[in-house]
Amino acid sequence: MNNQLARNYEPVENSTTAIPGHIFPSIKLKNAKGNTIDLADRNGDRWKLIVVYRGIHCPLCSKYLKTLESLYTEFTKKGIDIMAISADTIEKLSVQIKTDNLNFPMACELSADQMRTLGLFISEPLSSEDNNNLFSEPGLFIINSNGYLHITERSNAPYLRPDLTTLPSTLSYIKQSGDKRHDSLGGDYYPIRGTI
């Protein structure tokens, strides 16, 4: 019966939430220059990795972003664009970029409604010295070249995140493990899981 369900699964084109096997929803944010970017925008046949971090107040996030920076070239060579996003203001994002010497695309001003659309866990600050707005706990989204959410990971605390160092090779495997039976799930690569 499960195989029958899997064969009958149809991807959703216009999703308003981030669900595997659905088109990634339109989320418009600002970059450090104040320009509007849409996370759902695609770049040809490239995949996209979106890392959600808590904000400049989080030292674990800073460490994670530095790891992402060290892998930027490797992701790019493998056909994967990366972006990190948070609820921080443009001013805080600019400080984060300069302090951590980050060169990959980043965006900010993620609203609570957008966090909910992405299915992220939301926290309030423990201290107004660090942050005075709601912020998202960590999340990771991998969008395939057809715009479908292929893989996601969401945490309710800063201590649990995917190991970024394994992702370039893992995503290469996923992209090259085609199975024509799964074209309806977003392309000729390892099928999107968790869609039932």
N, C-alpha and C. Protein backbone atom coordinates (compact mmCIF):
# COMPACT_ATOMS: atom_id res chain seq x y z
N MET A 1 0.82 -1.20 0.00
CA MET A 1 0.00 0.00 0.00
C MET A 1 0.86 1.26 0.00
N ASN A 2 1.96 1.25 0.76
CA ASN A 2 2.84 2.42 0.78
C ASN A 2 3.43 2.71 -0.59
N ASN A 3 3.79 1.64 -1.33
CA ASN A 3 4.31 1.85 -2.68
C ASN A 3 3.27 2.50 -3.57
N GLN A 4 2.01 2.09 -3.40
CA GLN A 4 0.93 2.70 -4.18
C GLN A 4 0.83 4.19 -3.86
N LEU A 5 0.90 4.54 -2.58
CA LEU A 5 0.85 5.94 -2.18
C LEU A 5 2.00 6.72 -2.79
N ALA A 6 3.19 6.13 -2.75
CA ALA A 6 4.37 6.81 -3.29
C ALA A 6 4.22 7.05 -4.79
N ARG A 7 3.66 6.09 -5.50
CA ARG A 7 3.49 6.25 -6.95
C ARG A 7 2.47 7.34 -7.27
N ASN A 8 1.49 7.52 -6.40
CA ASN A 8 0.43 8.49 -6.65
C ASN A 8 0.76 9.88 -6.13
N TYR A 9 1.90 10.05 -5.50
CA TYR A 9 2.25 11.35 -4.94
C TYR A 9 2.47 12.36 -6.06
N GLU A 10 1.88 13.51 -5.93
CA GLU A 10 2.08 14.60 -6.89
C GLU A 10 2.65 15.80 -6.15
N PRO A 11 3.70 16.41 -6.68
CA PRO A 11 4.26 17.59 -6.03
C PRO A 11 3.29 18.76 -6.09
N VAL A 12 3.41 19.64 -5.13
CA VAL A 12 2.57 20.82 -5.06
C VAL A 12 3.33 22.01 -5.64
N GLU A 13 2.74 22.67 -6.61
CA GLU A 13 3.42 23.75 -7.31
C GLU A 13 3.44 25.06 -6.53
N ASN A 14 2.35 25.41 -5.88
CA ASN A 14 2.25 26.71 -5.23
C ASN A 14 2.04 26.56 -3.74
N SER A 15 3.04 26.09 -3.06
CA SER A 15 2.94 25.88 -1.62
C SER A 15 3.15 27.19 -0.87
N THR A 16 2.45 27.32 0.24
CA THR A 16 2.66 28.49 1.10
C THR A 16 3.45 28.11 2.34
N THR A 17 3.90 26.88 2.41
CA THR A 17 4.75 26.44 3.51
C THR A 17 5.91 25.63 2.95
N ALA A 18 6.96 25.49 3.74
CA ALA A 18 8.15 24.75 3.30
C ALA A 18 8.00 23.27 3.67
N ILE A 19 7.57 22.49 2.70
CA ILE A 19 7.34 21.07 2.89
C ILE A 19 8.11 20.31 1.82
N PRO A 20 8.84 19.25 2.19
CA PRO A 20 9.56 18.48 1.17
C PRO A 20 8.63 18.01 0.05
N GLY A 21 9.10 18.15 -1.18
CA GLY A 21 8.32 17.76 -2.34
C GLY A 21 7.40 18.85 -2.85
N HIS A 22 7.39 19.99 -2.19
CA HIS A 22 6.60 21.13 -2.64
C HIS A 22 7.54 22.21 -3.15
N ILE A 23 7.03 23.05 -4.05
CA ILE A 23 7.82 24.20 -4.50
C ILE A 23 8.13 25.05 -3.28
N PHE A 24 9.38 25.48 -3.16
CA PHE A 24 9.77 26.31 -2.01
C PHE A 24 9.01 27.63 -2.08
N PRO A 25 8.44 28.06 -0.95
CA PRO A 25 7.61 29.27 -0.98
C PRO A 25 8.42 30.55 -1.19
N SER A 26 7.75 31.55 -1.70
CA SER A 26 8.37 32.87 -1.88
C SER A 26 8.55 33.53 -0.52
N ILE A 27 9.79 33.83 -0.18
CA ILE A 27 10.14 34.53 1.06
C ILE A 27 11.03 35.70 0.65
N LYS A 28 10.55 36.91 0.82
CA LYS A 28 11.32 38.10 0.42
C LYS A 28 11.99 38.72 1.64
N LEU A 29 13.31 38.89 1.51
CA LEU A 29 14.15 39.44 2.58
C LEU A 29 15.04 40.54 2.01
N LYS A 30 15.81 41.16 2.87
CA LYS A 30 16.76 42.20 2.47
C LYS A 30 18.18 41.68 2.60
N ASN A 31 19.04 42.07 1.67
CA ASN A 31 20.46 41.77 1.83
C ASN A 31 21.14 42.95 2.54
N ALA A 32 22.43 42.87 2.72
CA ALA A 32 23.15 43.91 3.48
C ALA A 32 23.11 45.27 2.79
N LYS A 33 22.86 45.30 1.50
CA LYS A 33 22.77 46.57 0.76
C LYS A 33 21.35 47.12 0.76
N GLY A 34 20.41 46.39 1.38
CA GLY A 34 19.03 46.83 1.43
C GLY A 34 18.20 46.40 0.24
N ASN A 35 18.78 45.61 -0.66
CA ASN A 35 18.04 45.12 -1.82
C ASN A 35 17.16 43.93 -1.44
N THR A 36 16.01 43.84 -2.06
CA THR A 36 15.09 42.73 -1.80
C THR A 36 15.51 41.51 -2.60
N ILE A 37 15.54 40.36 -1.95
CA ILE A 37 15.82 39.09 -2.61
C ILE A 37 14.69 38.12 -2.25
N ASP A 38 14.42 37.19 -3.14
CA ASP A 38 13.39 36.18 -2.89
C ASP A 38 14.08 34.82 -2.81
N LEU A 39 13.91 34.14 -1.69
CA LEU A 39 14.57 32.85 -1.50
C LEU A 39 14.13 31.82 -2.53
N ALA A 40 12.95 31.99 -3.12
CA ALA A 40 12.45 31.02 -4.10
C ALA A 40 13.03 31.24 -5.49
N ASP A 41 13.73 32.36 -5.73
CA ASP A 41 14.33 32.61 -7.04
C ASP A 41 15.34 31.52 -7.36
N ARG A 42 15.34 31.10 -8.63
CA ARG A 42 16.25 30.04 -9.04
C ARG A 42 17.33 30.59 -9.96
N ASN A 43 18.44 29.86 -10.00
CA ASN A 43 19.58 30.25 -10.81
C ASN A 43 19.90 29.11 -11.78
N GLY A 44 19.15 29.03 -12.88
CA GLY A 44 19.37 27.97 -13.86
C GLY A 44 19.16 26.60 -13.26
N ASP A 45 20.13 25.71 -13.51
CA ASP A 45 19.99 24.34 -13.00
C ASP A 45 20.74 24.12 -11.69
N ARG A 46 21.08 25.21 -11.01
CA ARG A 46 21.80 25.10 -9.74
C ARG A 46 20.84 24.80 -8.60
N TRP A 47 21.36 24.12 -7.59
CA TRP A 47 20.61 23.87 -6.36
C TRP A 47 20.88 25.03 -5.40
N LYS A 48 20.13 25.08 -4.32
CA LYS A 48 20.32 26.16 -3.34
C LYS A 48 20.29 25.58 -1.93
N LEU A 49 21.25 26.00 -1.13
CA LEU A 49 21.31 25.66 0.28
C LEU A 49 21.04 26.93 1.07
N ILE A 50 19.99 26.91 1.88
CA ILE A 50 19.66 28.06 2.73
C ILE A 50 19.88 27.65 4.18
N VAL A 51 20.74 28.39 4.85
CA VAL A 51 21.03 28.17 6.26
C VAL A 51 20.37 29.27 7.06
N VAL A 52 19.52 28.89 8.00
CA VAL A 52 18.88 29.85 8.89
C VAL A 52 19.66 29.86 10.19
N TYR A 53 20.11 31.04 10.60
CA TYR A 53 20.85 31.15 11.86
C TYR A 53 20.11 32.11 12.80
N ARG A 54 20.42 32.02 14.07
CA ARG A 54 19.68 32.74 15.10
C ARG A 54 19.92 34.25 15.06
N GLY A 55 21.12 34.66 14.75
CA GLY A 55 21.46 36.07 14.69
C GLY A 55 22.84 36.34 15.24
N ILE A 56 23.24 37.59 15.16
CA ILE A 56 24.59 37.99 15.57
C ILE A 56 24.84 37.73 17.06
N HIS A 57 23.80 37.65 17.85
CA HIS A 57 23.95 37.42 19.30
C HIS A 57 24.40 36.01 19.62
N CYS A 58 24.41 35.09 18.63
CA CYS A 58 24.67 33.67 18.88
C CYS A 58 26.09 33.28 18.47
N PRO A 59 26.98 32.99 19.45
CA PRO A 59 28.35 32.60 19.09
C PRO A 59 28.43 31.27 18.34
N LEU A 60 27.51 30.34 18.59
CA LEU A 60 27.51 29.08 17.84
C LEU A 60 27.16 29.32 16.37
N CYS A 61 26.29 30.30 16.14
CA CYS A 61 25.94 30.65 14.76
C CYS A 61 27.14 31.24 14.03
N SER A 62 27.88 32.07 14.71
CA SER A 62 29.07 32.68 14.12
C SER A 62 30.05 31.59 13.69
N LYS A 63 30.25 30.61 14.55
CA LYS A 63 31.14 29.49 14.23
C LYS A 63 30.61 28.71 13.02
N TYR A 64 29.30 28.48 12.99
CA TYR A 64 28.67 27.74 11.89
C TYR A 64 28.82 28.51 10.58
N LEU A 65 28.62 29.82 10.62
CA LEU A 65 28.76 30.65 9.42
C LEU A 65 30.20 30.65 8.91
N LYS A 66 31.17 30.64 9.82
CA LYS A 66 32.58 30.58 9.41
C LYS A 66 32.87 29.25 8.72
N THR A 67 32.27 28.17 9.21
CA THR A 67 32.43 26.87 8.55
C THR A 67 31.81 26.92 7.16
N LEU A 68 30.63 27.52 7.06
CA LEU A 68 29.98 27.67 5.76
C LEU A 68 30.86 28.47 4.80
N GLU A 69 31.47 29.53 5.31
CA GLU A 69 32.39 30.34 4.49
C GLU A 69 33.54 29.49 3.97
N SER A 70 34.08 28.63 4.81
CA SER A 70 35.21 27.79 4.40
C SER A 70 34.83 26.79 3.30
N LEU A 71 33.52 26.51 3.17
CA LEU A 71 33.04 25.55 2.18
C LEU A 71 32.39 26.22 0.96
N TYR A 72 32.36 27.54 0.97
CA TYR A 72 31.67 28.30 -0.08
C TYR A 72 32.13 27.89 -1.48
N THR A 73 33.41 27.85 -1.72
CA THR A 73 33.95 27.51 -3.03
C THR A 73 33.59 26.09 -3.42
N GLU A 74 33.66 25.17 -2.46
CA GLU A 74 33.34 23.77 -2.75
C GLU A 74 31.86 23.62 -3.15
N PHE A 75 30.97 24.27 -2.42
CA PHE A 75 29.55 24.23 -2.79
C PHE A 75 29.35 24.81 -4.19
N THR A 76 29.98 25.94 -4.45
CA THR A 76 29.82 26.61 -5.75
C THR A 76 30.26 25.71 -6.89
N LYS A 77 31.40 25.05 -6.73
CA LYS A 77 31.92 24.15 -7.76
C LYS A 77 30.98 22.98 -8.02
N LYS A 78 30.22 22.59 -7.01
CA LYS A 78 29.30 21.45 -7.15
C LYS A 78 27.91 21.88 -7.61
N GLY A 79 27.76 23.14 -8.01
CA GLY A 79 26.49 23.61 -8.54
C GLY A 79 25.46 23.94 -7.49
N ILE A 80 25.93 24.34 -6.31
CA ILE A 80 25.03 24.65 -5.20
C ILE A 80 25.29 26.08 -4.73
N ASP A 81 24.27 26.92 -4.84
CA ASP A 81 24.35 28.28 -4.32
C ASP A 81 24.01 28.24 -2.84
N ILE A 82 24.65 29.09 -2.05
CA ILE A 82 24.34 29.12 -0.62
C ILE A 82 23.89 30.50 -0.20
N MET A 83 23.09 30.52 0.85
CA MET A 83 22.62 31.77 1.44
C MET A 83 22.34 31.51 2.91
N ALA A 84 22.70 32.47 3.75
CA ALA A 84 22.37 32.40 5.17
C ALA A 84 21.40 33.52 5.48
N ILE A 85 20.40 33.23 6.32
CA ILE A 85 19.36 34.22 6.63
C ILE A 85 19.08 34.25 8.13
N SER A 86 18.60 35.41 8.58
CA SER A 86 18.22 35.55 9.99
C SER A 86 17.20 36.68 10.13
N ALA A 87 16.74 36.86 11.35
CA ALA A 87 15.80 37.95 11.66
C ALA A 87 16.54 39.25 11.98
N ASP A 88 17.85 39.23 11.97
CA ASP A 88 18.63 40.44 12.29
C ASP A 88 18.27 41.60 11.37
N THR A 89 18.58 42.80 11.83
CA THR A 89 18.41 44.00 11.01
C THR A 89 19.55 44.08 9.99
N ILE A 90 19.40 44.98 9.03
CA ILE A 90 20.46 45.19 8.04
C ILE A 90 21.75 45.61 8.75
N GLU A 91 21.63 46.45 9.77
CA GLU A 91 22.81 46.92 10.51
C GLU A 91 23.53 45.75 11.18
N LYS A 92 22.77 44.88 11.83
CA LYS A 92 23.39 43.72 12.48
C LYS A 92 24.00 42.76 11.46
N LEU A 93 23.31 42.57 10.34
CA LEU A 93 23.85 41.71 9.29
C LEU A 93 25.18 42.26 8.79
N SER A 94 25.24 43.56 8.57
CA SER A 94 26.48 44.18 8.09
C SER A 94 27.63 43.96 9.07
N VAL A 95 27.34 44.08 10.36
CA VAL A 95 28.36 43.83 11.38
C VAL A 95 28.79 42.36 11.35
N GLN A 96 27.83 41.45 11.23
CA GLN A 96 28.14 40.00 11.18
C GLN A 96 29.07 39.70 10.01
N ILE A 97 28.74 40.25 8.84
CA ILE A 97 29.55 40.01 7.64
C ILE A 97 30.97 40.50 7.84
N LYS A 98 31.11 41.70 8.39
CA LYS A 98 32.43 42.29 8.58
C LYS A 98 33.21 41.57 9.69
N THR A 99 32.57 41.31 10.80
CA THR A 99 33.24 40.67 11.94
C THR A 99 33.74 39.27 11.60
N ASP A 100 32.89 38.49 10.91
CA ASP A 100 33.25 37.10 10.60
C ASP A 100 33.88 36.93 9.22
N ASN A 101 34.07 38.05 8.49
CA ASN A 101 34.69 38.02 7.17
C ASN A 101 33.96 37.04 6.24
N LEU A 102 32.66 37.27 6.08
CA LEU A 102 31.83 36.38 5.27
C LEU A 102 31.63 36.96 3.89
N ASN A 103 31.74 36.11 2.87
CA ASN A 103 31.66 36.56 1.48
C ASN A 103 30.52 35.94 0.69
N PHE A 104 29.79 35.02 1.27
CA PHE A 104 28.67 34.39 0.56
C PHE A 104 27.40 35.23 0.77
N PRO A 105 26.38 35.03 -0.07
CA PRO A 105 25.14 35.81 0.06
C PRO A 105 24.45 35.59 1.41
N MET A 106 23.95 36.69 1.96
CA MET A 106 23.22 36.63 3.22
C MET A 106 22.03 37.58 3.13
N ALA A 107 21.01 37.30 3.95
CA ALA A 107 19.83 38.16 3.97
C ALA A 107 19.29 38.22 5.39
N CYS A 108 18.43 39.22 5.62
CA CYS A 108 17.97 39.47 6.99
C CYS A 108 16.52 39.94 7.01
N GLU A 109 16.08 40.29 8.20
CA GLU A 109 14.73 40.78 8.46
C GLU A 109 13.67 39.71 8.23
N LEU A 110 14.01 38.48 8.58
CA LEU A 110 13.06 37.37 8.55
C LEU A 110 11.99 37.62 9.61
N SER A 111 10.74 37.72 9.19
CA SER A 111 9.65 38.01 10.13
C SER A 111 9.14 36.74 10.80
N ALA A 112 8.40 36.91 11.87
CA ALA A 112 7.81 35.76 12.57
C ALA A 112 6.87 34.99 11.64
N ASP A 113 6.10 35.69 10.81
CA ASP A 113 5.22 35.00 9.86
C ASP A 113 6.03 34.19 8.85
N GLN A 114 7.14 34.74 8.39
CA GLN A 114 8.00 34.00 7.46
C GLN A 114 8.64 32.80 8.15
N MET A 115 9.02 32.96 9.42
CA MET A 115 9.55 31.82 10.17
C MET A 115 8.53 30.70 10.24
N ARG A 116 7.28 31.06 10.48
CA ARG A 116 6.21 30.06 10.54
C ARG A 116 6.01 29.39 9.18
N THR A 117 6.07 30.17 8.10
CA THR A 117 5.95 29.61 6.76
C THR A 117 7.04 28.57 6.52
N LEU A 118 8.23 28.82 7.02
CA LEU A 118 9.34 27.89 6.86
C LEU A 118 9.30 26.74 7.87
N GLY A 119 8.35 26.79 8.80
CA GLY A 119 8.25 25.74 9.80
C GLY A 119 9.34 25.79 10.84
N LEU A 120 9.91 26.96 11.05
CA LEU A 120 11.01 27.13 11.99
C LEU A 120 10.49 27.31 13.42
N PHE A 121 11.31 26.96 14.37
CA PHE A 121 11.00 27.20 15.78
C PHE A 121 11.41 28.64 16.11
N ILE A 122 10.58 29.31 16.87
CA ILE A 122 10.79 30.72 17.18
C ILE A 122 11.04 30.88 18.67
N SER A 123 12.03 31.73 19.00
CA SER A 123 12.37 32.00 20.40
C SER A 123 12.36 33.49 20.67
N GLU A 124 12.21 33.81 21.94
CA GLU A 124 12.36 35.20 22.36
C GLU A 124 13.70 35.33 23.05
N PRO A 125 14.27 36.51 23.07
CA PRO A 125 15.61 36.68 23.66
C PRO A 125 15.60 36.43 25.16
N LEU A 126 16.72 35.92 25.64
CA LEU A 126 16.90 35.74 27.08
C LEU A 126 17.35 37.03 27.74
N SER A 127 17.97 37.90 26.92
CA SER A 127 18.47 39.16 27.43
C SER A 127 18.31 40.23 26.36
N SER A 128 17.84 41.41 26.75
CA SER A 128 17.69 42.49 25.77
C SER A 128 19.04 43.04 25.33
N GLU A 129 20.09 42.70 26.07
CA GLU A 129 21.44 43.13 25.66
C GLU A 129 21.86 42.43 24.37
N ASP A 130 21.46 41.18 24.21
CA ASP A 130 21.84 40.42 23.03
C ASP A 130 20.93 40.70 21.85
N ASN A 131 19.64 40.76 22.12
CA ASN A 131 18.66 40.86 21.06
C ASN A 131 17.35 41.30 21.69
N ASN A 132 16.57 42.10 20.99
CA ASN A 132 15.29 42.51 21.56
C ASN A 132 14.12 42.15 20.67
N ASN A 133 14.33 41.22 19.74
CA ASN A 133 13.26 40.76 18.85
C ASN A 133 13.15 39.25 18.88
N LEU A 134 12.01 38.75 18.44
CA LEU A 134 11.89 37.31 18.23
C LEU A 134 12.90 36.88 17.17
N PHE A 135 13.40 35.66 17.30
CA PHE A 135 14.33 35.15 16.30
C PHE A 135 14.07 33.68 16.06
N SER A 136 14.57 33.20 14.95
CA SER A 136 14.40 31.81 14.57
C SER A 136 15.53 30.97 15.14
N GLU A 137 15.20 29.77 15.54
CA GLU A 137 16.22 28.77 15.84
C GLU A 137 16.74 28.23 14.50
N PRO A 138 17.85 27.48 14.52
CA PRO A 138 18.49 27.07 13.27
C PRO A 138 17.61 26.21 12.35
N GLY A 139 17.86 26.37 11.08
CA GLY A 139 17.20 25.56 10.07
C GLY A 139 18.08 25.45 8.84
N LEU A 140 17.81 24.46 8.02
CA LEU A 140 18.57 24.25 6.80
C LEU A 140 17.61 23.74 5.73
N PHE A 141 17.67 24.33 4.56
CA PHE A 141 16.79 23.96 3.45
C PHE A 141 17.63 23.74 2.20
N ILE A 142 17.39 22.64 1.52
CA ILE A 142 18.07 22.34 0.26
C ILE A 142 17.00 22.28 -0.82
N ILE A 143 17.11 23.18 -1.79
CA ILE A 143 16.13 23.31 -2.86
C ILE A 143 16.77 22.81 -4.15
N ASN A 144 16.09 21.90 -4.83
CA ASN A 144 16.68 21.36 -6.05
C ASN A 144 16.51 22.32 -7.22
N SER A 145 17.05 21.94 -8.37
CA SER A 145 17.09 22.84 -9.53
C SER A 145 15.71 23.14 -10.09
N ASN A 146 14.71 22.35 -9.74
CA ASN A 146 13.34 22.60 -10.18
C ASN A 146 12.55 23.43 -9.19
N GLY A 147 13.19 23.85 -8.10
CA GLY A 147 12.53 24.69 -7.11
C GLY A 147 11.81 23.96 -6.00
N TYR A 148 11.93 22.64 -5.97
CA TYR A 148 11.28 21.86 -4.92
C TYR A 148 12.17 21.77 -3.68
N LEU A 149 11.56 21.82 -2.51
CA LEU A 149 12.31 21.58 -1.28
C LEU A 149 12.67 20.10 -1.25
N HIS A 150 13.95 19.81 -1.32
CA HIS A 150 14.43 18.44 -1.41
C HIS A 150 14.75 17.86 -0.03
N ILE A 151 15.42 18.66 0.82
CA ILE A 151 15.81 18.20 2.16
C ILE A 151 15.66 19.38 3.12
N THR A 152 15.25 19.09 4.34
CA THR A 152 15.18 20.13 5.35
C THR A 152 15.55 19.58 6.72
N GLU A 153 16.07 20.47 7.54
CA GLU A 153 16.40 20.16 8.94
C GLU A 153 16.08 21.40 9.76
N ARG A 154 15.35 21.20 10.85
CA ARG A 154 14.98 22.32 11.72
C ARG A 154 15.24 21.92 13.16
N SER A 155 15.77 22.85 13.93
CA SER A 155 16.10 22.58 15.34
C SER A 155 15.40 23.60 16.22
N ASN A 156 15.15 23.21 17.46
CA ASN A 156 14.51 24.14 18.40
C ASN A 156 15.52 24.76 19.36
N ALA A 157 16.80 24.52 19.14
CA ALA A 157 17.86 25.05 20.00
C ALA A 157 19.14 25.15 19.18
N PRO A 158 20.09 25.97 19.61
CA PRO A 158 21.29 26.19 18.79
C PRO A 158 22.28 25.03 18.78
N TYR A 159 22.04 24.00 19.56
CA TYR A 159 23.05 22.96 19.76
C TYR A 159 22.96 21.79 18.79
N LEU A 160 21.93 21.75 17.97
CA LEU A 160 21.76 20.64 17.05
C LEU A 160 21.63 21.17 15.62
N ARG A 161 22.65 20.92 14.80
CA ARG A 161 22.67 21.38 13.40
C ARG A 161 23.38 20.33 12.55
N PRO A 162 23.03 20.25 11.27
CA PRO A 162 23.73 19.32 10.38
C PRO A 162 25.21 19.68 10.25
N ASP A 163 26.02 18.67 10.03
CA ASP A 163 27.45 18.85 9.82
C ASP A 163 27.66 19.37 8.39
N LEU A 164 28.03 20.63 8.29
CA LEU A 164 28.20 21.25 6.97
C LEU A 164 29.32 20.60 6.16
N THR A 165 30.33 20.07 6.83
CA THR A 165 31.49 19.54 6.10
C THR A 165 31.14 18.32 5.26
N THR A 166 30.07 17.61 5.59
CA THR A 166 29.68 16.43 4.81
C THR A 166 28.70 16.77 3.68
N LEU A 167 28.13 17.97 3.71
CA LEU A 167 27.08 18.30 2.75
C LEU A 167 27.52 18.38 1.29
N PRO A 168 28.67 18.96 0.97
CA PRO A 168 29.02 19.01 -0.47
C PRO A 168 29.05 17.62 -1.11
N SER A 169 29.69 16.65 -0.48
CA SER A 169 29.75 15.31 -1.07
C SER A 169 28.39 14.62 -1.02
N THR A 170 27.63 14.82 0.05
CA THR A 170 26.30 14.22 0.15
C THR A 170 25.39 14.76 -0.95
N LEU A 171 25.42 16.06 -1.17
CA LEU A 171 24.56 16.65 -2.20
C LEU A 171 25.00 16.23 -3.60
N SER A 172 26.29 16.05 -3.80
CA SER A 172 26.76 15.54 -5.10
C SER A 172 26.19 14.16 -5.35
N TYR A 173 26.19 13.32 -4.33
CA TYR A 173 25.63 11.97 -4.45
C TYR A 173 24.14 12.05 -4.79
N ILE A 174 23.41 12.89 -4.08
CA ILE A 174 21.96 13.03 -4.30
C ILE A 174 21.69 13.50 -5.73
N LYS A 175 22.46 14.47 -6.19
CA LYS A 175 22.26 15.01 -7.53
C LYS A 175 22.60 14.00 -8.62
N GLN A 176 23.50 13.06 -8.35
CA GLN A 176 23.95 12.11 -9.36
C GLN A 176 23.28 10.76 -9.26
N SER A 177 22.42 10.57 -8.27
CA SER A 177 21.77 9.27 -8.07
C SER A 177 20.38 9.28 -8.69
N GLY A 178 20.35 9.48 -9.99
CA GLY A 178 19.08 9.62 -10.70
C GLY A 178 18.27 8.35 -10.72
N ASP A 179 16.97 8.53 -10.75
CA ASP A 179 16.02 7.43 -10.84
C ASP A 179 14.82 7.95 -11.62
N LYS A 180 14.70 7.56 -12.86
CA LYS A 180 13.66 8.09 -13.75
C LYS A 180 12.26 7.88 -13.18
N ARG A 181 12.09 6.91 -12.29
CA ARG A 181 10.76 6.66 -11.73
C ARG A 181 10.31 7.81 -10.83
N HIS A 182 11.21 8.70 -10.44
CA HIS A 182 10.87 9.75 -9.48
C HIS A 182 10.86 11.14 -10.10
N ASP A 183 10.75 11.23 -11.43
CA ASP A 183 10.75 12.54 -12.07
C ASP A 183 9.67 13.47 -11.53
N SER A 184 8.52 12.93 -11.13
CA SER A 184 7.43 13.77 -10.64
C SER A 184 7.77 14.43 -9.31
N LEU A 185 8.82 13.96 -8.66
CA LEU A 185 9.22 14.53 -7.38
C LEU A 185 10.33 15.56 -7.53
N GLY A 186 10.54 16.07 -8.70
CA GLY A 186 11.46 17.18 -8.83
C GLY A 186 12.67 16.97 -9.68
N GLY A 187 12.88 15.80 -10.28
CA GLY A 187 14.01 15.68 -11.17
C GLY A 187 14.62 14.31 -11.22
N ASP A 188 15.71 14.22 -11.95
CA ASP A 188 16.40 12.96 -12.18
C ASP A 188 17.55 12.80 -11.19
N TYR A 189 17.23 12.67 -9.92
CA TYR A 189 18.21 12.46 -8.88
C TYR A 189 17.56 11.73 -7.73
N TYR A 190 18.34 11.46 -6.69
CA TYR A 190 17.79 10.72 -5.55
C TYR A 190 16.46 11.34 -5.14
N PRO A 191 15.42 10.52 -4.96
CA PRO A 191 14.09 11.07 -4.74
C PRO A 191 13.96 11.84 -3.43
N ILE A 192 13.01 12.76 -3.45
CA ILE A 192 12.67 13.52 -2.23
C ILE A 192 11.99 12.54 -1.27
N ARG A 193 12.44 12.52 -0.04
CA ARG A 193 11.90 11.59 0.95
C ARG A 193 10.99 12.35 1.90
N GLY A 194 10.18 11.60 2.67
CA GLY A 194 9.31 12.19 3.67
C GLY A 194 8.11 12.91 3.10
N THR A 195 7.60 12.42 1.97
CA THR A 195 6.50 13.11 1.30
C THR A 195 5.14 12.46 1.54
N ILE A 196 5.10 11.40 2.30
CA ILE A 196 3.83 10.68 2.52
C ILE A 196 3.20 11.15 3.82
